[in-house]
Amino acid sequence: MRKLKRVNVPNIPEQLSQPNDNRTINKKKLRRFIFMFIFIAATTLYVQYILTKQQEVINGKKNTITNQKKHLVSLKKDQGSLKTNIENLTDNEEEILKFARKEYQFSKSNETIFVLPK
C-alpha cells in the first residue's frame, strides 16, 4: 500500500483546528447550556401551571361572591316583607285572627271549617 502525503496539516497542537481541551470545554458548556435550558423551561411551565390554577380559584371565588350577593338581596326583600307582617300582627287584632285562621285553621265559636286540598 501506498502512503498518502499529508498536505497542509499542522503538526503543532496550537495550530490544530480544535485541540482536545477546547473540545471538552465546549462539551461542558453545551451540557451546562442544555441543563439550564431544561431547568428554565420546567420552571416556567410550573409557574404557568400555578398561575392558571390560581386564576381558576379566583374566578370560582368571584362567582361565589356574586351568588351570595344575589342571595343577600333576596333575603333583604324577605326581611322587609316579614317586618311588615310582624308590624301588622302586633298592631291589629283582626290581622292576628286572619293569620291564625289562615295558618292554623282556628275558628270562631259556632263555626265549621272545611279544609280543601290544594
PDB file of N, CA and C in Angstrom:
ATOM      1  N   MET A   1       0.806  -1.172   0.000  1.00  0.00           N
ATOM      2  CA  MET A   1       0.000   0.000   0.000  1.00  0.00           C
ATOM      3  C   MET A   1       0.852   1.239   0.000  1.00  0.00           C
ATOM      4  N   ARG A   2       0.271   2.191  -0.538  1.00  0.00           N
ATOM      5  CA  ARG A   2       0.969   3.440  -0.691  1.00  0.00           C
ATOM      6  C   ARG A   2       0.606   4.400   0.423  1.00  0.00           C
ATOM      7  N   LYS A   3       1.543   5.134   0.938  1.00  0.00           N
ATOM      8  CA  LYS A   3       1.279   6.119   1.974  1.00  0.00           C
ATOM      9  C   LYS A   3       0.807   7.406   1.330  1.00  0.00           C
ATOM     10  N   LEU A   4      -0.214   7.981   1.953  1.00  0.00           N
ATOM     11  CA  LEU A   4      -0.715   9.254   1.453  1.00  0.00           C
ATOM     12  C   LEU A   4       0.083  10.382   2.070  1.00  0.00           C
ATOM     13  N   LYS A   5       0.275  11.384   1.277  1.00  0.00           N
ATOM     14  CA  LYS A   5       1.004  12.548   1.763  1.00  0.00           C
ATOM     15  C   LYS A   5       0.071  13.459   2.540  1.00  0.00           C
ATOM     16  N   ARG A   6       0.603  13.992   3.585  1.00  0.00           N
ATOM     17  CA  ARG A   6      -0.160  14.979   4.338  1.00  0.00           C
ATOM     18  C   ARG A   6       0.162  16.346   3.778  1.00  0.00           C
ATOM     19  N   VAL A   7      -0.886  17.001   3.371  1.00  0.00           N
ATOM     20  CA  VAL A   7      -0.678  18.318   2.804  1.00  0.00           C
ATOM     21  C   VAL A   7      -1.411  19.331   3.679  1.00  0.00           C
ATOM     22  N   ASN A   8      -0.716  20.371   4.086  1.00  0.00           N
ATOM     23  CA  ASN A   8      -1.278  21.477   4.872  1.00  0.00           C
ATOM     24  C   ASN A   8      -1.912  21.028   6.182  1.00  0.00           C
ATOM     25  N   VAL A   9      -1.396  20.022   6.797  1.00  0.00           N
ATOM     26  CA  VAL A   9      -1.885  19.580   8.099  1.00  0.00           C
ATOM     27  C   VAL A   9      -0.870  20.034   9.128  1.00  0.00           C
ATOM     28  N   PRO A  10      -1.301  20.870  10.065  1.00  0.00           N
ATOM     29  CA  PRO A  10      -0.339  21.368  11.043  1.00  0.00           C
ATOM     30  C   PRO A  10       0.030  20.285  12.045  1.00  0.00           C
ATOM     31  N   ASN A  11       1.252  20.317  12.464  1.00  0.00           N
ATOM     32  CA  ASN A  11       1.731  19.344  13.439  1.00  0.00           C
ATOM     33  C   ASN A  11       1.760  19.918  14.848  1.00  0.00           C
ATOM     34  N   ILE A  12       1.716  21.210  14.974  1.00  0.00           N
ATOM     35  CA  ILE A  12       1.770  21.860  16.279  1.00  0.00           C
ATOM     36  C   ILE A  12       0.355  21.876  16.861  1.00  0.00           C
ATOM     37  N   PRO A  13       0.190  21.493  18.160  1.00  0.00           N
ATOM     38  CA  PRO A  13      -1.159  21.445  18.747  1.00  0.00           C
ATOM     39  C   PRO A  13      -1.859  22.792  18.758  1.00  0.00           C
ATOM     40  N   GLU A  14      -1.123  23.873  18.831  1.00  0.00           N
ATOM     41  CA  GLU A  14      -1.739  25.196  18.827  1.00  0.00           C
ATOM     42  C   GLU A  14      -2.366  25.511  17.488  1.00  0.00           C
ATOM     43  N   GLN A  15      -1.855  24.891  16.441  1.00  0.00           N
ATOM     44  CA  GLN A  15      -2.364  25.174  15.111  1.00  0.00           C
ATOM     45  C   GLN A  15      -3.487  24.229  14.699  1.00  0.00           C
ATOM     46  N   LEU A  16      -3.774  23.220  15.504  1.00  0.00           N
ATOM     47  CA  LEU A  16      -4.872  22.316  15.185  1.00  0.00           C
ATOM     48  C   LEU A  16      -6.197  23.080  15.245  1.00  0.00           C
ATOM     49  N   SER A  17      -7.188  22.591  14.521  1.00  0.00           N
ATOM     50  CA  SER A  17      -8.459  23.312  14.442  1.00  0.00           C
ATOM     51  C   SER A  17      -9.129  23.425  15.814  1.00  0.00           C
ATOM     52  N   GLN A  18      -9.194  22.341  16.554  1.00  0.00           N
ATOM     53  CA  GLN A  18      -9.729  22.380  17.919  1.00  0.00           C
ATOM     54  C   GLN A  18      -8.976  21.366  18.748  1.00  0.00           C
ATOM     55  N   PRO A  19      -8.171  21.819  19.638  1.00  0.00           N
ATOM     56  CA  PRO A  19      -7.463  20.857  20.483  1.00  0.00           C
ATOM     57  C   PRO A  19      -8.433  20.152  21.424  1.00  0.00           C
ATOM     58  N   ASN A  20      -7.980  19.093  22.027  1.00  0.00           N
ATOM     59  CA  ASN A  20      -8.816  18.292  22.919  1.00  0.00           C
ATOM     60  C   ASN A  20      -9.348  19.098  24.095  1.00  0.00           C
ATOM     61  N   ASP A  21      -8.562  19.970  24.676  1.00  0.00           N
ATOM     62  CA  ASP A  21      -9.010  20.779  25.814  1.00  0.00           C
ATOM     63  C   ASP A  21     -10.199  21.647  25.428  1.00  0.00           C
ATOM     64  N   ASN A  22     -10.116  22.278  24.268  1.00  0.00           N
ATOM     65  CA  ASN A  22     -11.222  23.129  23.821  1.00  0.00           C
ATOM     66  C   ASN A  22     -12.475  22.306  23.565  1.00  0.00           C
ATOM     67  N   ARG A  23     -12.305  21.099  23.053  1.00  0.00           N
ATOM     68  CA  ARG A  23     -13.465  20.246  22.798  1.00  0.00           C
ATOM     69  C   ARG A  23     -14.162  19.888  24.108  1.00  0.00           C
ATOM     70  N   THR A  24     -13.410  19.544  25.132  1.00  0.00           N
ATOM     71  CA  THR A  24     -14.033  19.203  26.415  1.00  0.00           C
ATOM     72  C   THR A  24     -14.696  20.420  27.039  1.00  0.00           C
ATOM     73  N   ILE A  25     -14.075  21.585  26.883  1.00  0.00           N
ATOM     74  CA  ILE A  25     -14.685  22.808  27.411  1.00  0.00           C
ATOM     75  C   ILE A  25     -15.986  23.089  26.678  1.00  0.00           C
ATOM     76  N   ASN A  26     -15.985  22.922  25.362  1.00  0.00           N
ATOM     77  CA  ASN A  26     -17.210  23.150  24.596  1.00  0.00           C
ATOM     78  C   ASN A  26     -18.296  22.140  24.971  1.00  0.00           C
ATOM     79  N   LYS A  27     -17.922  20.894  25.220  1.00  0.00           N
ATOM     80  CA  LYS A  27     -18.900  19.896  25.642  1.00  0.00           C
ATOM     81  C   LYS A  27     -19.488  20.264  26.996  1.00  0.00           C
ATOM     82  N   LYS A  28     -18.640  20.732  27.904  1.00  0.00           N
ATOM     83  CA  LYS A  28     -19.132  21.145  29.218  1.00  0.00           C
ATOM     84  C   LYS A  28     -20.085  22.331  29.088  1.00  0.00           C
ATOM     85  N   LYS A  29     -19.707  23.293  28.250  1.00  0.00           N
ATOM     86  CA  LYS A  29     -20.570  24.457  28.053  1.00  0.00           C
ATOM     87  C   LYS A  29     -21.901  24.042  27.440  1.00  0.00           C
ATOM     88  N   LEU A  30     -21.845  23.136  26.478  1.00  0.00           N
ATOM     89  CA  LEU A  30     -23.065  22.671  25.834  1.00  0.00           C
ATOM     90  C   LEU A  30     -23.955  21.928  26.835  1.00  0.00           C
ATOM     91  N   ARG A  31     -23.370  21.061  27.642  1.00  0.00           N
ATOM     92  CA  ARG A  31     -24.141  20.356  28.670  1.00  0.00           C
ATOM     93  C   ARG A  31     -24.758  21.340  29.661  1.00  0.00           C
ATOM     94  N   ARG A  32     -23.966  22.310  30.086  1.00  0.00           N
ATOM     95  CA  ARG A  32     -24.443  23.315  31.029  1.00  0.00           C
ATOM     96  C   ARG A  32     -25.597  24.114  30.418  1.00  0.00           C
ATOM     97  N   PHE A  33     -25.441  24.489  29.148  1.00  0.00           N
ATOM     98  CA  PHE A  33     -26.487  25.246  28.461  1.00  0.00           C
ATOM     99  C   PHE A  33     -27.771  24.415  28.351  1.00  0.00           C
ATOM    100  N   ILE A  34     -27.643  23.154  27.967  1.00  0.00           N
ATOM    101  CA  ILE A  34     -28.820  22.290  27.833  1.00  0.00           C
ATOM    102  C   ILE A  34     -29.494  22.105  29.190  1.00  0.00           C
ATOM    103  N   PHE A  35     -28.705  21.874  30.235  1.00  0.00           N
ATOM    104  CA  PHE A  35     -29.265  21.714  31.574  1.00  0.00           C
ATOM    105  C   PHE A  35     -29.997  22.976  32.019  1.00  0.00           C
ATOM    106  N   MET A  36     -29.393  24.134  31.811  1.00  0.00           N
ATOM    107  CA  MET A  36     -30.025  25.393  32.209  1.00  0.00           C
ATOM    108  C   MET A  36     -31.301  25.630  31.404  1.00  0.00           C
ATOM    109  N   PHE A  37     -31.269  25.309  30.115  1.00  0.00           N
ATOM    110  CA  PHE A  37     -32.450  25.485  29.277  1.00  0.00           C
ATOM    111  C   PHE A  37     -33.595  24.599  29.774  1.00  0.00           C
ATOM    112  N   ILE A  38     -33.298  23.349  30.071  1.00  0.00           N
ATOM    113  CA  ILE A  38     -34.326  22.432  30.567  1.00  0.00           C
ATOM    114  C   ILE A  38     -34.851  22.908  31.921  1.00  0.00           C
ATOM    115  N   PHE A  39     -33.956  23.358  32.795  1.00  0.00           N
ATOM    116  CA  PHE A  39     -34.361  23.846  34.116  1.00  0.00           C
ATOM    117  C   PHE A  39     -35.262  25.070  33.991  1.00  0.00           C
ATOM    118  N   ILE A  40     -34.874  26.021  33.155  1.00  0.00           N
ATOM    119  CA  ILE A  40     -35.670  27.244  32.986  1.00  0.00           C
ATOM    120  C   ILE A  40     -37.020  26.916  32.354  1.00  0.00           C
ATOM    121  N   ALA A  41     -37.029  26.021  31.366  1.00  0.00           N
ATOM    122  CA  ALA A  41     -38.292  25.647  30.726  1.00  0.00           C
ATOM    123  C   ALA A  41     -39.225  24.957  31.724  1.00  0.00           C
ATOM    124  N   ALA A  42     -38.679  24.048  32.525  1.00  0.00           N
ATOM    125  CA  ALA A  42     -39.506  23.350  33.515  1.00  0.00           C
ATOM    126  C   ALA A  42     -40.042  24.328  34.560  1.00  0.00           C
ATOM    127  N   THR A  43     -39.194  25.233  35.008  1.00  0.00           N
ATOM    128  CA  THR A  43     -39.625  26.226  35.997  1.00  0.00           C
ATOM    129  C   THR A  43     -40.719  27.119  35.419  1.00  0.00           C
ATOM    130  N   THR A  44     -40.548  27.536  34.184  1.00  0.00           N
ATOM    131  CA  THR A  44     -41.543  28.393  33.536  1.00  0.00           C
ATOM    132  C   THR A  44     -42.883  27.670  33.411  1.00  0.00           C
ATOM    133  N   LEU A  45     -42.852  26.420  33.002  1.00  0.00           N
ATOM    134  CA  LEU A  45     -44.091  25.654  32.873  1.00  0.00           C
ATOM    135  C   LEU A  45     -44.763  25.460  34.234  1.00  0.00           C
ATOM    136  N   TYR A  46     -43.976  25.218  35.263  1.00  0.00           N
ATOM    137  CA  TYR A  46     -44.531  25.037  36.602  1.00  0.00           C
ATOM    138  C   TYR A  46     -45.187  26.326  37.100  1.00  0.00           C
ATOM    139  N   VAL A  47     -44.523  27.445  36.909  1.00  0.00           N
ATOM    140  CA  VAL A  47     -45.083  28.734  37.341  1.00  0.00           C
ATOM    141  C   VAL A  47     -46.361  29.036  36.560  1.00  0.00           C
ATOM    142  N   GLN A  48     -46.360  28.740  35.265  1.00  0.00           N
ATOM    143  CA  GLN A  48     -47.558  28.960  34.447  1.00  0.00           C
ATOM    144  C   GLN A  48     -48.718  28.099  34.946  1.00  0.00           C
ATOM    145  N   TYR A  49     -48.424  26.867  35.305  1.00  0.00           N
ATOM    146  CA  TYR A  49     -49.453  25.969  35.840  1.00  0.00           C
ATOM    147  C   TYR A  49     -50.022  26.522  37.145  1.00  0.00           C
ATOM    148  N   ILE A  50     -49.149  26.980  38.025  1.00  0.00           N
ATOM    149  CA  ILE A  50     -49.599  27.533  39.307  1.00  0.00           C
ATOM    150  C   ILE A  50     -50.468  28.766  39.086  1.00  0.00           C
ATOM    151  N   LEU A  51     -50.048  29.649  38.190  1.00  0.00           N
ATOM    152  CA  LEU A  51     -50.825  30.863  37.933  1.00  0.00           C
ATOM    153  C   LEU A  51     -52.189  30.535  37.334  1.00  0.00           C
ATOM    154  N   THR A  52     -52.244  29.546  36.465  1.00  0.00           N
ATOM    155  CA  THR A  52     -53.517  29.152  35.872  1.00  0.00           C
ATOM    156  C   THR A  52     -54.465  28.610  36.938  1.00  0.00           C
ATOM    157  N   LYS A  53     -53.962  27.753  37.805  1.00  0.00           N
ATOM    158  CA  LYS A  53     -54.797  27.207  38.876  1.00  0.00           C
ATOM    159  C   LYS A  53     -55.273  28.310  39.820  1.00  0.00           C
ATOM    160  N   GLN A  54     -54.382  29.250  40.110  1.00  0.00           N
ATOM    161  CA  GLN A  54     -54.743  30.356  40.998  1.00  0.00           C
ATOM    162  C   GLN A  54     -55.847  31.203  40.361  1.00  0.00           C
ATOM    163  N   GLN A  55     -55.762  31.428  39.055  1.00  0.00           N
ATOM    164  CA  GLN A  55     -56.784  32.207  38.364  1.00  0.00           C
ATOM    165  C   GLN A  55     -58.126  31.474  38.390  1.00  0.00           C
ATOM    166  N   GLU A  56     -58.101  30.158  38.249  1.00  0.00           N
ATOM    167  CA  GLU A  56     -59.341  29.380  38.334  1.00  0.00           C
ATOM    168  C   GLU A  56     -59.968  29.506  39.720  1.00  0.00           C
ATOM    169  N   VAL A  57     -59.148  29.470  40.751  1.00  0.00           N
ATOM    170  CA  VAL A  57     -59.658  29.609  42.123  1.00  0.00           C
ATOM    171  C   VAL A  57     -60.256  30.997  42.318  1.00  0.00           C
ATOM    172  N   ILE A  58     -59.581  32.018  41.792  1.00  0.00           N
ATOM    173  CA  ILE A  58     -60.078  33.392  41.922  1.00  0.00           C
ATOM    174  C   ILE A  58     -61.421  33.534  41.223  1.00  0.00           C
ATOM    175  N   ASN A  59     -61.540  32.977  40.014  1.00  0.00           N
ATOM    176  CA  ASN A  59     -62.814  33.058  39.295  1.00  0.00           C
ATOM    177  C   ASN A  59     -63.922  32.324  40.047  1.00  0.00           C
ATOM    178  N   GLY A  60     -63.604  31.197  40.641  1.00  0.00           N
ATOM    179  CA  GLY A  60     -64.595  30.479  41.440  1.00  0.00           C
ATOM    180  C   GLY A  60     -65.058  31.294  42.636  1.00  0.00           C
ATOM    181  N   LYS A  61     -64.115  31.958  43.292  1.00  0.00           N
ATOM    182  CA  LYS A  61     -64.465  32.799  44.448  1.00  0.00           C
ATOM    183  C   LYS A  61     -65.329  33.982  44.011  1.00  0.00           C
ATOM    184  N   LYS A  62     -65.015  34.570  42.840  1.00  0.00           N
ATOM    185  CA  LYS A  62     -65.827  35.689  42.342  1.00  0.00           C
ATOM    186  C   LYS A  62     -67.256  35.233  42.072  1.00  0.00           C
ATOM    187  N   ASN A  63     -67.404  34.052  41.468  1.00  0.00           N
ATOM    188  CA  ASN A  63     -68.748  33.526  41.214  1.00  0.00           C
ATOM    189  C   ASN A  63     -69.494  33.287  42.522  1.00  0.00           C
ATOM    190  N   THR A  64     -68.802  32.778  43.513  1.00  0.00           N
ATOM    191  CA  THR A  64     -69.424  32.553  44.817  1.00  0.00           C
ATOM    192  C   THR A  64     -69.871  33.873  45.435  1.00  0.00           C
ATOM    193  N   ILE A  65     -69.036  34.889  45.315  1.00  0.00           N
ATOM    194  CA  ILE A  65     -69.379  36.205  45.879  1.00  0.00           C
ATOM    195  C   ILE A  65     -70.615  36.771  45.197  1.00  0.00           C
ATOM    196  N   THR A  66     -70.685  36.682  43.858  1.00  0.00           N
ATOM    197  CA  THR A  66     -71.859  37.224  43.159  1.00  0.00           C
ATOM    198  C   THR A  66     -73.119  36.450  43.543  1.00  0.00           C
ATOM    199  N   ASN A  67     -73.013  35.132  43.667  1.00  0.00           N
ATOM    200  CA  ASN A  67     -74.184  34.340  44.078  1.00  0.00           C
ATOM    201  C   ASN A  67     -74.622  34.702  45.491  1.00  0.00           C
ATOM    202  N   GLN A  68     -73.668  34.900  46.380  1.00  0.00           N
ATOM    203  CA  GLN A  68     -74.004  35.262  47.758  1.00  0.00           C
ATOM    204  C   GLN A  68     -74.634  36.655  47.826  1.00  0.00           C
ATOM    205  N   LYS A  69     -74.167  37.567  46.971  1.00  0.00           N
ATOM    206  CA  LYS A  69     -74.769  38.908  46.946  1.00  0.00           C
ATOM    207  C   LYS A  69     -76.219  38.838  46.476  1.00  0.00           C
ATOM    208  N   LYS A  70     -76.479  38.013  45.454  1.00  0.00           N
ATOM    209  CA  LYS A  70     -77.855  37.849  44.983  1.00  0.00           C
ATOM    210  C   LYS A  70     -78.724  37.253  46.086  1.00  0.00           C
ATOM    211  N   HIS A  71     -78.186  36.283  46.783  1.00  0.00           N
ATOM    212  CA  HIS A  71     -78.916  35.656  47.886  1.00  0.00           C
ATOM    213  C   HIS A  71     -79.187  36.673  48.996  1.00  0.00           C
ATOM    214  N   LEU A  72     -78.218  37.537  49.259  1.00  0.00           N
ATOM    215  CA  LEU A  72     -78.387  38.568  50.283  1.00  0.00           C
ATOM    216  C   LEU A  72     -79.498  39.536  49.900  1.00  0.00           C
ATOM    217  N   VAL A  73     -79.555  39.912  48.619  1.00  0.00           N
ATOM    218  CA  VAL A  73     -80.607  40.829  48.173  1.00  0.00           C
ATOM    219  C   VAL A  73     -81.982  40.191  48.366  1.00  0.00           C
ATOM    220  N   SER A  74     -82.103  38.919  48.005  1.00  0.00           N
ATOM    221  CA  SER A  74     -83.404  38.253  48.176  1.00  0.00           C
ATOM    222  C   SER A  74     -83.762  38.130  49.661  1.00  0.00           C
ATOM    223  N   LEU A  75     -82.773  37.869  50.500  1.00  0.00           N
ATOM    224  CA  LEU A  75     -83.047  37.789  51.939  1.00  0.00           C
ATOM    225  C   LEU A  75     -83.468  39.139  52.509  1.00  0.00           C
ATOM    226  N   LYS A  76     -82.882  40.217  52.001  1.00  0.00           N
ATOM    227  CA  LYS A  76     -83.288  41.550  52.473  1.00  0.00           C
ATOM    228  C   LYS A  76     -84.727  41.848  52.070  1.00  0.00           C
ATOM    229  N   LYS A  77     -85.114  41.418  50.862  1.00  0.00           N
ATOM    230  CA  LYS A  77     -86.508  41.609  50.444  1.00  0.00           C
ATOM    231  C   LYS A  77     -87.445  40.818  51.351  1.00  0.00           C
ATOM    232  N   ASP A  78     -87.070  39.579  51.639  1.00  0.00           N
ATOM    233  CA  ASP A  78     -87.882  38.757  52.544  1.00  0.00           C
ATOM    234  C   ASP A  78     -87.945  39.379  53.934  1.00  0.00           C
ATOM    235  N   GLN A  79     -86.855  39.939  54.379  1.00  0.00           N
ATOM    236  CA  GLN A  79     -86.818  40.571  55.693  1.00  0.00           C
ATOM    237  C   GLN A  79     -87.795  41.744  55.741  1.00  0.00           C
ATOM    238  N   GLY A  80     -87.830  42.526  54.665  1.00  0.00           N
ATOM    239  CA  GLY A  80     -88.758  43.657  54.630  1.00  0.00           C
ATOM    240  C   GLY A  80     -90.206  43.207  54.696  1.00  0.00           C
ATOM    241  N   SER A  81     -90.541  42.170  53.933  1.00  0.00           N
ATOM    242  CA  SER A  81     -91.933  41.689  53.961  1.00  0.00           C
ATOM    243  C   SER A  81     -92.271  41.080  55.321  1.00  0.00           C
ATOM    244  N   LEU A  82     -91.331  40.391  55.932  1.00  0.00           N
ATOM    245  CA  LEU A  82     -91.581  39.814  57.259  1.00  0.00           C
ATOM    246  C   LEU A  82     -91.738  40.897  58.324  1.00  0.00           C
ATOM    247  N   LYS A  83     -90.987  41.969  58.192  1.00  0.00           N
ATOM    248  CA  LYS A  83     -91.138  43.072  59.154  1.00  0.00           C
ATOM    249  C   LYS A  83     -92.528  43.690  59.053  1.00  0.00           C
ATOM    250  N   THR A  84     -93.012  43.864  57.825  1.00  0.00           N
ATOM    251  CA  THR A  84     -94.365  44.425  57.680  1.00  0.00           C
ATOM    252  C   THR A  84     -95.404  43.463  58.249  1.00  0.00           C
ATOM    253  N   ASN A  85     -95.204  42.154  58.054  1.00  0.00           N
ATOM    254  CA  ASN A  85     -96.133  41.174  58.644  1.00  0.00           C
ATOM    255  C   ASN A  85     -96.113  41.254  60.162  1.00  0.00           C
ATOM    256  N   ILE A  86     -94.938  41.385  60.744  1.00  0.00           N
ATOM    257  CA  ILE A  86     -94.828  41.483  62.207  1.00  0.00           C
ATOM    258  C   ILE A  86     -95.520  42.739  62.708  1.00  0.00           C
ATOM    259  N   GLU A  87     -95.318  43.855  62.011  1.00  0.00           N
ATOM    260  CA  GLU A  87     -95.965  45.104  62.428  1.00  0.00           C
ATOM    261  C   GLU A  87     -97.478  44.972  62.354  1.00  0.00           C
ATOM    262  N   ASN A  88     -97.966  44.346  61.283  1.00  0.00           N
ATOM    263  CA  ASN A  88     -99.420  44.161  61.153  1.00  0.00           C
ATOM    264  C   ASN A  88     -99.966  43.260  62.251  1.00  0.00           C
ATOM    265  N   LEU A  89     -99.221  42.198  62.574  1.00  0.00           N
ATOM    266  CA  LEU A  89     -99.711  41.260  63.580  1.00  0.00           C
ATOM    267  C   LEU A  89     -99.650  41.834  64.990  1.00  0.00           C
ATOM    268  N   THR A  90     -98.716  42.701  65.270  1.00  0.00           N
ATOM    269  CA  THR A  90     -98.632  43.263  66.623  1.00  0.00           C
ATOM    270  C   THR A  90     -99.605  44.412  66.823  1.00  0.00           C
ATOM    271  N   ASP A  91     -99.913  45.130  65.758  1.00  0.00           N
ATOM    272  CA  ASP A  91    -100.763  46.314  65.911  1.00  0.00           C
ATOM    273  C   ASP A  91    -102.255  45.990  65.858  1.00  0.00           C
ATOM    274  N   ASN A  92    -102.655  45.082  65.011  1.00  0.00           N
ATOM    275  CA  ASN A  92    -104.070  44.898  64.730  1.00  0.00           C
ATOM    276  C   ASN A  92    -104.522  43.500  65.155  1.00  0.00           C
ATOM    277  N   GLU A  93    -105.589  43.455  65.949  1.00  0.00           N
ATOM    278  CA  GLU A  93    -106.100  42.171  66.420  1.00  0.00           C
ATOM    279  C   GLU A  93    -106.775  41.391  65.292  1.00  0.00           C
ATOM    280  N   GLU A  94    -107.393  42.095  64.371  1.00  0.00           N
ATOM    281  CA  GLU A  94    -108.044  41.428  63.238  1.00  0.00           C
ATOM    282  C   GLU A  94    -107.012  40.705  62.365  1.00  0.00           C
ATOM    283  N   GLU A  95    -105.846  41.300  62.204  1.00  0.00           N
ATOM    284  CA  GLU A  95    -104.784  40.656  61.418  1.00  0.00           C
ATOM    285  C   GLU A  95    -104.309  39.377  62.102  1.00  0.00           C
ATOM    286  N   ILE A  96    -104.258  39.413  63.429  1.00  0.00           N
ATOM    287  CA  ILE A  96    -103.859  38.215  64.177  1.00  0.00           C
ATOM    288  C   ILE A  96    -104.879  37.106  63.956  1.00  0.00           C
ATOM    289  N   LEU A  97    -106.164  37.459  64.003  1.00  0.00           N
ATOM    290  CA  LEU A  97    -107.211  36.460  63.778  1.00  0.00           C
ATOM    291  C   LEU A  97    -107.150  35.903  62.356  1.00  0.00           C
ATOM    292  N   LYS A  98    -106.930  36.766  61.385  1.00  0.00           N
ATOM    293  CA  LYS A  98    -106.822  36.305  59.996  1.00  0.00           C
ATOM    294  C   LYS A  98    -105.647  35.339  59.835  1.00  0.00           C
ATOM    295  N   PHE A  99    -104.541  35.695  60.454  1.00  0.00           N
ATOM    296  CA  PHE A  99    -103.345  34.847  60.347  1.00  0.00           C
ATOM    297  C   PHE A  99    -103.575  33.492  61.014  1.00  0.00           C
ATOM    298  N   ALA A 100    -104.190  33.509  62.190  1.00  0.00           N
ATOM    299  CA  ALA A 100    -104.447  32.261  62.915  1.00  0.00           C
ATOM    300  C   ALA A 100    -105.430  31.383  62.149  1.00  0.00           C
ATOM    301  N   ARG A 101    -106.438  31.980  61.541  1.00  0.00           N
ATOM    302  CA  ARG A 101    -107.413  31.210  60.773  1.00  0.00           C
ATOM    303  C   ARG A 101    -106.777  30.653  59.506  1.00  0.00           C
ATOM    304  N   LYS A 102    -105.922  31.433  58.913  1.00  0.00           N
ATOM    305  CA  LYS A 102    -105.307  31.012  57.648  1.00  0.00           C
ATOM    306  C   LYS A 102    -104.275  29.910  57.872  1.00  0.00           C
ATOM    307  N   GLU A 103    -103.392  30.098  58.826  1.00  0.00           N
ATOM    308  CA  GLU A 103    -102.280  29.172  59.019  1.00  0.00           C
ATOM    309  C   GLU A 103    -102.641  27.974  59.886  1.00  0.00           C
ATOM    310  N   TYR A 104    -103.419  28.202  60.917  1.00  0.00           N
ATOM    311  CA  TYR A 104    -103.656  27.142  61.904  1.00  0.00           C
ATOM    312  C   TYR A 104    -105.102  26.648  61.943  1.00  0.00           C
ATOM    313  N   GLN A 105    -105.936  27.072  61.029  1.00  0.00           N
ATOM    314  CA  GLN A 105    -107.343  26.669  60.919  1.00  0.00           C
ATOM    315  C   GLN A 105    -108.112  26.882  62.236  1.00  0.00           C
ATOM    316  N   PHE A 106    -107.859  27.998  62.886  1.00  0.00           N
ATOM    317  CA  PHE A 106    -108.640  28.336  64.072  1.00  0.00           C
ATOM    318  C   PHE A 106    -110.021  28.809  63.619  1.00  0.00           C
ATOM    319  N   SER A 107    -110.966  28.635  64.498  1.00  0.00           N
ATOM    320  CA  SER A 107    -112.327  29.049  64.137  1.00  0.00           C
ATOM    321  C   SER A 107    -112.953  29.826  65.293  1.00  0.00           C
ATOM    322  N   LYS A 108    -113.967  30.557  64.917  1.00  0.00           N
ATOM    323  CA  LYS A 108    -114.749  31.243  65.946  1.00  0.00           C
ATOM    324  C   LYS A 108    -115.752  30.237  66.512  1.00  0.00           C
ATOM    325  N   SER A 109    -116.395  30.642  67.569  1.00  0.00           N
ATOM    326  CA  SER A 109    -117.387  29.732  68.149  1.00  0.00           C
ATOM    327  C   SER A 109    -118.555  29.573  67.167  1.00  0.00           C
ATOM    328  N   ASN A 110    -119.132  28.379  67.131  1.00  0.00           N
ATOM    329  CA  ASN A 110    -120.243  28.038  66.239  1.00  0.00           C
ATOM    330  C   ASN A 110    -119.856  28.184  64.765  1.00  0.00           C
ATOM    331  N   GLU A 111    -118.622  27.848  64.436  1.00  0.00           N
ATOM    332  CA  GLU A 111    -118.165  27.963  63.044  1.00  0.00           C
ATOM    333  C   GLU A 111    -117.486  26.649  62.658  1.00  0.00           C
ATOM    334  N   THR A 112    -117.769  26.192  61.439  1.00  0.00           N
ATOM    335  CA  THR A 112    -117.174  24.953  60.945  1.00  0.00           C
ATOM    336  C   THR A 112    -116.210  25.293  59.811  1.00  0.00           C
ATOM    337  N   ILE A 113    -115.037  24.672  59.844  1.00  0.00           N
ATOM    338  CA  ILE A 113    -114.022  24.946  58.815  1.00  0.00           C
ATOM    339  C   ILE A 113    -113.856  23.694  57.971  1.00  0.00           C
ATOM    340  N   PHE A 114    -113.923  23.888  56.670  1.00  0.00           N
ATOM    341  CA  PHE A 114    -113.663  22.806  55.728  1.00  0.00           C
ATOM    342  C   PHE A 114    -112.313  23.070  55.074  1.00  0.00           C
ATOM    343  N   VAL A 115    -111.434  22.085  55.161  1.00  0.00           N
ATOM    344  CA  VAL A 115    -110.098  22.225  54.572  1.00  0.00           C
ATOM    345  C   VAL A 115    -110.114  21.536  53.216  1.00  0.00           C
ATOM    346  N   LEU A 116    -109.871  22.306  52.185  1.00  0.00           N
ATOM    347  CA  LEU A 116    -109.847  21.769  50.828  1.00  0.00           C
ATOM    348  C   LEU A 116    -108.407  21.454  50.433  1.00  0.00           C
ATOM    349  N   PRO A 117    -108.217  20.348  49.744  1.00  0.00           N
ATOM    350  CA  PRO A 117    -106.840  20.046  49.312  1.00  0.00           C
ATOM    351  C   PRO A 117    -106.381  21.046  48.253  1.00  0.00           C
ATOM    352  N   LYS A 118    -105.131  21.303  48.267  1.00  0.00           N
ATOM    353  CA  LYS A 118    -104.592  22.304  47.334  1.00  0.00           C
ATOM    354  C   LYS A 118    -104.312  21.698  45.991  1.00  0.00           C
TER     355      LYS A 118
END
